N, C-alpha and C. Protein backbone atom coordinates (compact mmCIF):
# COMPACT_ATOMS: atom_id res chain seq x y z
N MET A 1 12.10 34.19 -28.52
CA MET A 1 11.14 33.11 -28.39
C MET A 1 11.13 32.60 -26.93
N PRO A 2 9.94 32.47 -26.35
CA PRO A 2 9.88 32.03 -24.95
C PRO A 2 10.40 30.60 -24.76
N LYS A 3 10.98 30.40 -23.58
CA LYS A 3 11.51 29.08 -23.26
C LYS A 3 10.37 28.09 -23.07
N LYS A 4 10.53 26.91 -23.65
CA LYS A 4 9.49 25.88 -23.51
C LYS A 4 9.48 25.35 -22.08
N ARG A 5 8.32 25.25 -21.51
CA ARG A 5 8.20 24.75 -20.14
C ARG A 5 8.40 23.24 -20.09
N THR A 6 9.16 22.83 -19.12
CA THR A 6 9.36 21.40 -18.93
C THR A 6 8.41 20.92 -17.84
N LYS A 7 8.32 19.62 -17.70
CA LYS A 7 7.45 19.08 -16.65
C LYS A 7 7.95 19.52 -15.28
N LYS A 8 9.28 19.60 -15.12
CA LYS A 8 9.87 20.02 -13.85
C LYS A 8 9.44 21.44 -13.49
N ASP A 9 9.44 22.34 -14.49
CA ASP A 9 9.00 23.72 -14.26
C ASP A 9 7.55 23.75 -13.74
N CYS A 10 6.70 22.96 -14.39
CA CYS A 10 5.28 22.93 -14.00
C CYS A 10 5.11 22.42 -12.58
N VAL A 11 5.89 21.40 -12.23
CA VAL A 11 5.81 20.84 -10.87
C VAL A 11 6.25 21.88 -9.86
N GLU A 12 7.34 22.61 -10.16
CA GLU A 12 7.82 23.64 -9.25
C GLU A 12 6.78 24.74 -9.06
N VAL A 13 6.13 25.14 -10.14
CA VAL A 13 5.10 26.18 -10.05
C VAL A 13 3.94 25.67 -9.21
N ARG A 14 3.56 24.42 -9.43
CA ARG A 14 2.45 23.83 -8.68
C ARG A 14 2.77 23.79 -7.18
N ILE A 15 3.99 23.39 -6.86
CA ILE A 15 4.41 23.33 -5.45
C ILE A 15 4.37 24.73 -4.84
N CYS A 16 4.86 25.71 -5.59
CA CYS A 16 4.89 27.09 -5.13
C CYS A 16 3.46 27.59 -4.85
N LEU A 17 2.55 27.32 -5.78
CA LEU A 17 1.16 27.74 -5.61
C LEU A 17 0.53 27.04 -4.41
N TYR A 18 0.82 25.75 -4.27
CA TYR A 18 0.28 24.98 -3.15
C TYR A 18 0.73 25.58 -1.83
N GLU A 19 2.02 25.91 -1.74
CA GLU A 19 2.56 26.48 -0.50
C GLU A 19 1.92 27.84 -0.20
N ALA A 20 1.71 28.64 -1.24
CA ALA A 20 1.11 29.96 -1.05
C ALA A 20 -0.32 29.83 -0.52
N VAL A 21 -1.08 28.92 -1.12
CA VAL A 21 -2.47 28.71 -0.69
C VAL A 21 -2.48 28.16 0.73
N ASN A 22 -1.59 27.21 0.99
CA ASN A 22 -1.50 26.60 2.32
C ASN A 22 -1.21 27.67 3.37
N ASP A 23 -0.30 28.58 3.06
CA ASP A 23 0.04 29.68 3.97
C ASP A 23 -1.17 30.56 4.24
N ARG A 24 -1.90 30.88 3.15
CA ARG A 24 -3.07 31.74 3.28
C ARG A 24 -4.13 31.08 4.16
N VAL A 25 -4.32 29.77 3.97
CA VAL A 25 -5.30 29.03 4.76
C VAL A 25 -4.90 29.05 6.23
N LYS A 26 -3.62 28.83 6.51
CA LYS A 26 -3.14 28.83 7.90
C LYS A 26 -3.33 30.21 8.53
N ARG A 27 -3.07 31.27 7.75
CA ARG A 27 -3.26 32.62 8.29
C ARG A 27 -4.73 32.87 8.61
N PHE A 28 -5.60 32.41 7.71
CA PHE A 28 -7.04 32.57 7.92
C PHE A 28 -7.47 31.82 9.18
N GLN A 29 -6.96 30.58 9.34
CA GLN A 29 -7.30 29.78 10.52
C GLN A 29 -6.81 30.48 11.79
N ALA A 30 -5.60 31.03 11.73
CA ALA A 30 -5.04 31.72 12.89
C ALA A 30 -5.91 32.92 13.27
N LYS A 31 -6.36 33.66 12.26
CA LYS A 31 -7.21 34.82 12.51
C LYS A 31 -8.51 34.39 13.19
N LYS A 32 -9.10 33.31 12.67
CA LYS A 32 -10.33 32.79 13.26
C LYS A 32 -10.09 32.35 14.70
N LEU A 33 -8.95 31.71 14.94
CA LEU A 33 -8.63 31.22 16.28
C LEU A 33 -8.44 32.38 17.26
N MET A 34 -7.84 33.46 16.77
CA MET A 34 -7.61 34.63 17.63
C MET A 34 -8.95 35.25 18.04
N GLU A 35 -9.94 35.15 17.16
CA GLU A 35 -11.25 35.74 17.46
C GLU A 35 -12.06 34.86 18.42
N GLY A 36 -11.86 33.55 18.31
CA GLY A 36 -12.64 32.61 19.12
C GLY A 36 -12.00 32.34 20.46
N ASP A 37 -12.60 31.41 21.19
CA ASP A 37 -12.04 31.06 22.50
C ASP A 37 -11.30 29.73 22.43
N ASP A 38 -10.83 29.38 21.23
CA ASP A 38 -10.07 28.14 21.04
C ASP A 38 -8.62 28.29 21.49
N LEU A 39 -8.26 29.44 22.01
CA LEU A 39 -6.86 29.69 22.39
C LEU A 39 -6.39 28.79 23.53
N LYS A 40 -7.33 28.17 24.21
CA LYS A 40 -6.96 27.30 25.34
C LYS A 40 -6.40 25.96 24.86
N LYS A 41 -6.67 25.61 23.59
CA LYS A 41 -6.20 24.33 23.05
C LYS A 41 -4.71 24.41 22.73
N PRO A 42 -3.95 23.36 23.06
CA PRO A 42 -2.50 23.38 22.79
C PRO A 42 -2.15 23.42 21.30
N GLU A 43 -2.98 22.78 20.45
CA GLU A 43 -2.70 22.79 19.00
C GLU A 43 -2.75 24.22 18.46
N THR A 44 -3.63 25.03 19.02
CA THR A 44 -3.77 26.41 18.58
C THR A 44 -2.49 27.19 18.83
N ALA A 45 -1.94 27.02 20.01
CA ALA A 45 -0.71 27.72 20.36
C ALA A 45 0.42 27.30 19.43
N GLU A 46 0.50 26.00 19.14
CA GLU A 46 1.55 25.50 18.24
C GLU A 46 1.41 26.10 16.85
N LEU A 47 0.16 26.17 16.35
CA LEU A 47 -0.08 26.72 15.02
C LEU A 47 0.34 28.19 14.97
N LEU A 48 -0.01 28.95 15.99
CA LEU A 48 0.33 30.37 16.02
C LEU A 48 1.84 30.58 16.10
N ILE A 49 2.53 29.74 16.87
CA ILE A 49 3.99 29.83 16.98
C ILE A 49 4.62 29.52 15.63
N GLU A 50 4.13 28.46 14.97
CA GLU A 50 4.66 28.07 13.66
C GLU A 50 4.48 29.20 12.65
N LEU A 51 3.30 29.83 12.65
CA LEU A 51 3.04 30.94 11.73
C LEU A 51 3.97 32.11 12.01
N GLY A 52 4.20 32.39 13.28
CA GLY A 52 5.09 33.48 13.66
C GLY A 52 6.50 33.25 13.16
N LEU A 53 6.98 32.02 13.31
CA LEU A 53 8.34 31.69 12.86
C LEU A 53 8.44 31.78 11.34
N LYS A 54 7.38 31.29 10.65
CA LYS A 54 7.41 31.33 9.18
C LYS A 54 7.42 32.77 8.68
N SER A 55 6.64 33.63 9.33
CA SER A 55 6.57 35.01 8.88
C SER A 55 7.89 35.74 9.07
N GLN A 56 8.72 35.25 10.01
CA GLN A 56 10.03 35.85 10.23
C GLN A 56 11.10 35.18 9.38
N GLY A 57 10.69 34.16 8.63
CA GLY A 57 11.63 33.47 7.74
C GLY A 57 12.51 32.46 8.44
N LEU A 58 12.07 31.93 9.56
CA LEU A 58 12.87 30.93 10.29
C LEU A 58 12.39 29.53 9.98
């Protein structure tokens, strides 16, 4: 018989899904930024550095 889900389980799943979607959105934004000429903005560089560190698991 499957284990009954608790509210905590649902919250953890929701957080996990949120993080996955958030990551995908950031990757999409980074791709768009790489194509455009927004690379001169300092926020862009920070976002790309953050994505690089996350992809390496740091």
